[in-house]
C-alpha atoms as a PDB file:
ATOM      1  CA  MET A   1      27.381   6.700 -46.686  1.00  0.00           C
ATOM      2  CA  MET A   2      23.957   5.982 -46.904  1.00  0.00           C
ATOM      3  CA  LYS A   3      24.015   3.434 -44.035  1.00  0.00           C
ATOM      4  CA  ASN A   4      26.268   6.081 -41.930  1.00  0.00           C
ATOM      5  CA  SER A   5      23.395   8.549 -42.081  1.00  0.00           C
ATOM      6  CA  ALA A   6      20.441   5.876 -41.428  1.00  0.00           C
ATOM      7  CA  SER A   7      22.817   5.318 -38.396  1.00  0.00           C
ATOM      8  CA  PHE A   8      23.025   8.936 -37.010  1.00  0.00           C
ATOM      9  CA  ILE A   9      19.112   9.303 -37.765  1.00  0.00           C
ATOM     10  CA  LEU A  10      18.309   6.775 -35.688  1.00  0.00           C
ATOM     11  CA  LEU A  11      20.657   7.694 -33.116  1.00  0.00           C
ATOM     12  CA  VAL A  12      19.604  11.227 -33.037  1.00  0.00           C
ATOM     13  CA  SER A  13      15.903   9.705 -33.035  1.00  0.00           C
ATOM     14  CA  SER A  14      16.418   7.397 -29.889  1.00  0.00           C
ATOM     15  CA  VAL A  15      17.818  10.221 -27.770  1.00  0.00           C
ATOM     16  CA  CYS A  16      14.852  12.687 -28.899  1.00  0.00           C
ATOM     17  CA  PHE A  17      12.657   9.662 -27.726  1.00  0.00           C
ATOM     18  CA  ALA A  18      14.426   9.073 -25.039  1.00  0.00           C
ATOM     19  CA  GLN A  19      14.193  12.250 -23.469  1.00  0.00           C
ATOM     20  CA  THR A  20      10.563  12.974 -24.434  1.00  0.00           C
ATOM     21  CA  ASN A  21      10.084   9.880 -22.370  1.00  0.00           C
ATOM     22  CA  VAL A  22      11.996  11.562 -19.582  1.00  0.00           C
ATOM     23  CA  GLU A  23       9.606  14.062 -19.904  1.00  0.00           C
ATOM     24  CA  ARG A  24       7.064  13.062 -19.852  1.00  0.00           C
ATOM     25  CA  HIS A  25       7.782  10.930 -16.636  1.00  0.00           C
ATOM     26  CA  PHE A  26       9.059  14.410 -14.708  1.00  0.00           C
ATOM     27  CA  ASN A  27       5.559  15.989 -15.691  1.00  0.00           C
ATOM     28  CA  LYS A  28       3.801  12.650 -14.381  1.00  0.00           C
ATOM     29  CA  ILE A  29       5.160  12.542 -10.946  1.00  0.00           C
ATOM     30  CA  LEU A  30       5.075  16.852 -10.839  1.00  0.00           C
ATOM     31  CA  LEU A  31       1.255  16.085 -11.278  1.00  0.00           C
ATOM     32  CA  ASP A  32       0.927  13.238  -8.782  1.00  0.00           C
ATOM     33  CA  ILE A  33       2.631  15.946  -6.297  1.00  0.00           C
ATOM     34  CA  GLU A  34       0.476  18.346  -7.153  1.00  0.00           C
ATOM     35  CA  LYS A  35      -2.435  16.348  -6.615  1.00  0.00           C
ATOM     36  CA  ARG A  36      -1.438  15.112  -3.271  1.00  0.00           C
ATOM     37  CA  ILE A  37      -1.603  18.663  -2.181  1.00  0.00           C
ATOM     38  CA  GLU A  38      -5.010  17.995  -1.013  1.00  0.00           C
ATOM     39  CA  SER A  39      -5.158  14.683   0.156  1.00  0.00           C
ATOM     40  CA  LYS A  40      -5.083  14.329   3.818  1.00  0.00           C
ATOM     41  CA  TYR A  41      -3.755  10.363   3.357  1.00  0.00           C
ATOM     42  CA  SER A  42      -0.414   9.487   2.409  1.00  0.00           C
ATOM     43  CA  GLU A  43       1.802   6.272   2.786  1.00  0.00           C
ATOM     44  CA  TYR A  44       5.304   5.532   3.361  1.00  0.00           C
ATOM     45  CA  GLY A  45       6.218   9.978   3.872  1.00  0.00           C
ATOM     46  CA  ILE A  46       5.498  10.597  -0.025  1.00  0.00           C
ATOM     47  CA  LYS A  47       3.837  13.761   0.272  1.00  0.00           C
ATOM     48  CA  ASN A  48       3.962  16.973  -1.898  1.00  0.00           C
ATOM     49  CA  GLN A  49       7.516  17.374  -1.560  1.00  0.00           C
ATOM     50  CA  LEU A  50      10.849  16.398  -3.081  1.00  0.00           C
ATOM     51  CA  TRP A  51      13.816  15.957  -0.658  1.00  0.00           C
ATOM     52  CA  SER A  52      17.549  16.307  -1.472  1.00  0.00           C
ATOM     53  CA  GLN A  53      21.116  17.043   0.004  1.00  0.00           C
ATOM     54  CA  ASN A  54      21.321  20.137   1.841  1.00  0.00           C
ATOM     55  CA  PHE A  55      22.938  22.955  -0.594  1.00  0.00           C
ATOM     56  CA  ASN A  56      24.353  26.384   0.011  1.00  0.00           C
ATOM     57  CA  VAL A  57      23.914  27.832  -3.556  1.00  0.00           C
ATOM     58  CA  ALA A  58      23.020  25.886  -6.442  1.00  0.00           C
ATOM     59  CA  LYS A  59      25.517  27.212  -9.508  1.00  0.00           C
ATOM     60  CA  LYS A  60      24.664  26.455 -13.019  1.00  0.00           C
ATOM     61  CA  GLY A  61      26.394  23.678 -14.123  1.00  0.00           C
ATOM     62  CA  ASP A  62      25.813  21.616 -10.599  1.00  0.00           C
ATOM     63  CA  VAL A  63      24.007  18.510 -10.585  1.00  0.00           C
ATOM     64  CA  ILE A  64      21.166  17.964  -7.754  1.00  0.00           C
ATOM     65  CA  THR A  65      19.481  15.150  -6.869  1.00  0.00           C
ATOM     66  CA  PHE A  66      15.990  14.865  -5.236  1.00  0.00           C
ATOM     67  CA  TYR A  67      13.597  11.824  -3.916  1.00  0.00           C
ATOM     68  CA  THR A  68      10.158  11.824  -3.624  1.00  0.00           C
ATOM     69  CA  THR A  69      10.245  10.477  -0.436  1.00  0.00           C
ATOM     70  CA  SER A  70      11.648  11.619   3.051  1.00  0.00           C
ATOM     71  CA  ASN A  71      12.592   8.224   4.080  1.00  0.00           C
ATOM     72  CA  ASN A  72      16.184   8.214   3.315  1.00  0.00           C
ATOM     73  CA  SER A  73      19.583   7.578   4.370  1.00  0.00           C
ATOM     74  CA  LEU A  74      20.256  12.056   4.533  1.00  0.00           C
ATOM     75  CA  CYS A  75      20.924  13.608   7.522  1.00  0.00           C
ATOM     76  CA  HIS A  76      20.462  17.325   5.799  1.00  0.00           C
ATOM     77  CA  LEU A  77      17.797  18.269   3.483  1.00  0.00           C
ATOM     78  CA  LYS A  78      17.092  20.649   1.582  1.00  0.00           C
ATOM     79  CA  VAL A  79      13.008  20.446   0.710  1.00  0.00           C
ATOM     80  CA  LEU A  80      10.768  21.454  -1.887  1.00  0.00           C
ATOM     81  CA  SER A  81       7.461  21.960  -0.640  1.00  0.00           C
ATOM     82  CA  PHE A  82       4.509  22.364  -3.334  1.00  0.00           C
ATOM     83  CA  PHE A  83       1.625  24.287  -2.682  1.00  0.00           C
ATOM     84  CA  LYS A  84      -1.818  24.939  -4.300  1.00  0.00           C
ATOM     85  CA  ASN A  85      -1.663  27.844  -7.196  1.00  0.00           C
ATOM     86  CA  LYS A  86       1.523  26.956  -8.078  1.00  0.00           C
ATOM     87  CA  ARG A  87       3.486  27.790  -5.349  1.00  0.00           C
ATOM     88  CA  ILE A  88       6.905  26.346  -4.017  1.00  0.00           C
ATOM     89  CA  SER A  89       8.799  27.040  -0.245  1.00  0.00           C
ATOM     90  CA  ILE A  90      11.867  25.548  -0.399  1.00  0.00           C
ATOM     91  CA  ASN A  91      13.268  24.592   3.446  1.00  0.00           C
ATOM     92  CA  GLU A  92      15.814  22.500   5.180  1.00  0.00           C
ATOM     93  CA  ALA A  93      15.352  19.263   7.571  1.00  0.00           C
ATOM     94  CA  ASP A  94      17.239  17.364   9.704  1.00  0.00           C
ATOM     95  CA  ASN A  95      16.446  13.846   9.877  1.00  0.00           C
ATOM     96  CA  CYS A  96      19.634  12.544  12.032  1.00  0.00           C
ATOM     97  CA  ASN A  97      18.069  13.664  15.000  1.00  0.00           C
ATOM     98  CA  GLU A  98      15.537  12.872  17.442  1.00  0.00           C
ATOM     99  CA  PRO A  99      13.130  14.399  17.397  1.00  0.00           C
ATOM    100  CA  PRO A 100      13.815  14.838  13.064  1.00  0.00           C
ATOM    101  CA  THR A 101      13.303  18.593  12.592  1.00  0.00           C
ATOM    102  CA  ILE A 102      11.400  20.518   9.480  1.00  0.00           C
ATOM    103  CA  SER A 103      12.245  24.543   9.140  1.00  0.00           C
ATOM    104  CA  ILE A 104       8.997  26.352   8.328  1.00  0.00           C
ATOM    105  CA  THR A 105       9.707  29.687   6.098  1.00  0.00           C
ATOM    106  CA  LYS A 106       7.067  31.868   5.879  1.00  0.00           C
ATOM    107  CA  ILE A 107       8.330  32.671   1.936  1.00  0.00           C
ATOM    108  CA  PHE A 108       6.892  31.281  -0.674  1.00  0.00           C
ATOM    109  CA  TYR A 109       8.005  30.820  -4.585  1.00  0.00           C
ATOM    110  CA  ASN A 110       5.712  31.029  -7.671  1.00  0.00           C
ATOM    111  CA  TYR A 111       6.808  27.645  -9.673  1.00  0.00           C
ATOM    112  CA  LYS A 112       6.226  26.200 -13.343  1.00  0.00           C
ATOM    113  CA  ILE A 113       6.646  22.818 -15.465  1.00  0.00           C
ATOM    114  CA  TYR A 114       8.116  23.821 -18.673  1.00  0.00           C
ATOM    115  CA  LYS A 115       9.189  20.802 -20.787  1.00  0.00           C
ATOM    116  CA  ASN A 116      11.557  19.326 -18.903  1.00  0.00           C
ATOM    117  CA  HIS A 117      12.473  21.869 -16.350  1.00  0.00           C
ATOM    118  CA  LEU A 118      11.102  22.615 -12.980  1.00  0.00           C
ATOM    119  CA  LYS A 119      10.976  26.903 -12.741  1.00  0.00           C
ATOM    120  CA  ILE A 120      11.047  28.020  -9.585  1.00  0.00           C
ATOM    121  CA  PHE A 121      10.508  32.254  -9.227  1.00  0.00           C
ATOM    122  CA  ASP A 122       9.727  35.135  -7.385  1.00  0.00           C
ATOM    123  CA  GLN A 123       7.700  37.242  -9.370  1.00  0.00           C
ATOM    124  CA  ASP A 124      10.001  37.886 -12.794  1.00  0.00           C
ATOM    125  CA  ASN A 125      13.014  36.715 -11.599  1.00  0.00           C
ATOM    126  CA  SER A 126      14.449  33.060 -11.851  1.00  0.00           C
ATOM    127  CA  VAL A 127      15.532  31.929  -8.073  1.00  0.00           C
ATOM    128  CA  LEU A 128      16.167  28.471  -9.460  1.00  0.00           C
ATOM    129  CA  ASP A 129      15.654  26.679 -12.983  1.00  0.00           C
ATOM    130  CA  LEU A 130      16.330  22.445 -12.266  1.00  0.00           C
ATOM    131  CA  LYS A 131      17.003  20.729 -15.763  1.00  0.00           C
ATOM    132  CA  ILE A 132      15.437  16.760 -15.040  1.00  0.00           C
ATOM    133  CA  ILE A 133      18.510  14.799 -16.970  1.00  0.00           C
ATOM    134  CA  ASN A 134      17.873  11.155 -15.207  1.00  0.00           C
ATOM    135  CA  ILE A 135      14.692   9.122 -13.506  1.00  0.00           C
ATOM    136  CA  GLU A 136      15.685   6.551 -11.524  1.00  0.00           C
ATOM    137  CA  ASN A 137      12.701   4.300  -9.477  1.00  0.00           C
ATOM    138  CA  TYR A 138      14.279   3.813  -6.192  1.00  0.00           C
ATOM    139  CA  GLN A 139      11.036   1.877  -5.640  1.00  0.00           C
ATOM    140  CA  GLN A 140      11.961  -0.531  -2.271  1.00  0.00           C
ATOM    141  CA  GLU A 141       9.154  -2.070   0.127  1.00  0.00           C
ATOM    142  CA  LYS A 142       9.266   0.241   2.924  1.00  0.00           C
ATOM    143  CA  PHE A 143       9.888   3.312   0.276  1.00  0.00           C
ATOM    144  CA  GLY A 144       6.337   2.660  -1.330  1.00  0.00           C
ATOM    145  CA  GLU A 145       5.704   1.871  -4.667  1.00  0.00           C
ATOM    146  CA  ASN A 146       6.345   5.111  -6.207  1.00  0.00           C
ATOM    147  CA  SER A 147       9.152   6.392  -5.079  1.00  0.00           C
ATOM    148  CA  PHE A 148      11.543   8.199  -7.732  1.00  0.00           C
ATOM    149  CA  LYS A 149      15.320   9.852  -7.510  1.00  0.00           C
ATOM    150  CA  LEU A 150      15.526  12.413  -9.663  1.00  0.00           C
ATOM    151  CA  THR A 151      18.634  14.261 -11.172  1.00  0.00           C
ATOM    152  CA  PHE A 152      18.326  17.158 -11.915  1.00  0.00           C
ATOM    153  CA  SER A 153      21.290  19.770 -13.595  1.00  0.00           C
ATOM    154  CA  VAL A 154      21.415  23.509 -12.314  1.00  0.00           C
ATOM    155  CA  GLU A 155      20.347  25.841 -15.061  1.00  0.00           C
END
């Protein structure tokens, strides 16, 4: 009986530690993106954006993957662009036609990072609540050293 309790406590502790580690890594990635907002130089296409396969509506329970680089094989993309003062825009891009295009929107939202969530909102109304569930290093030479694949669940 005592052995089962110890195993259960160890399992719960390791899950909590792993979640804290994902949360910490997620916060570091977004902090790096925010730092690049002011930067004039960006290598390998890594900028102040997150790139995902285009989706029309994100429903609760959907899983959405974003990349920290535009150098991926996706054609039609949804792009989250981060700006000063915790502002964000949601744009669309087409990487498979020449020249590649990205839409420019005049609609800006606010965002905040709360624990393992990226919350996008307009005034007090939630537009999109993304919970980080996995982070993979997307590190390949042509993508740069700090490229990541971020998997979110829509809350």
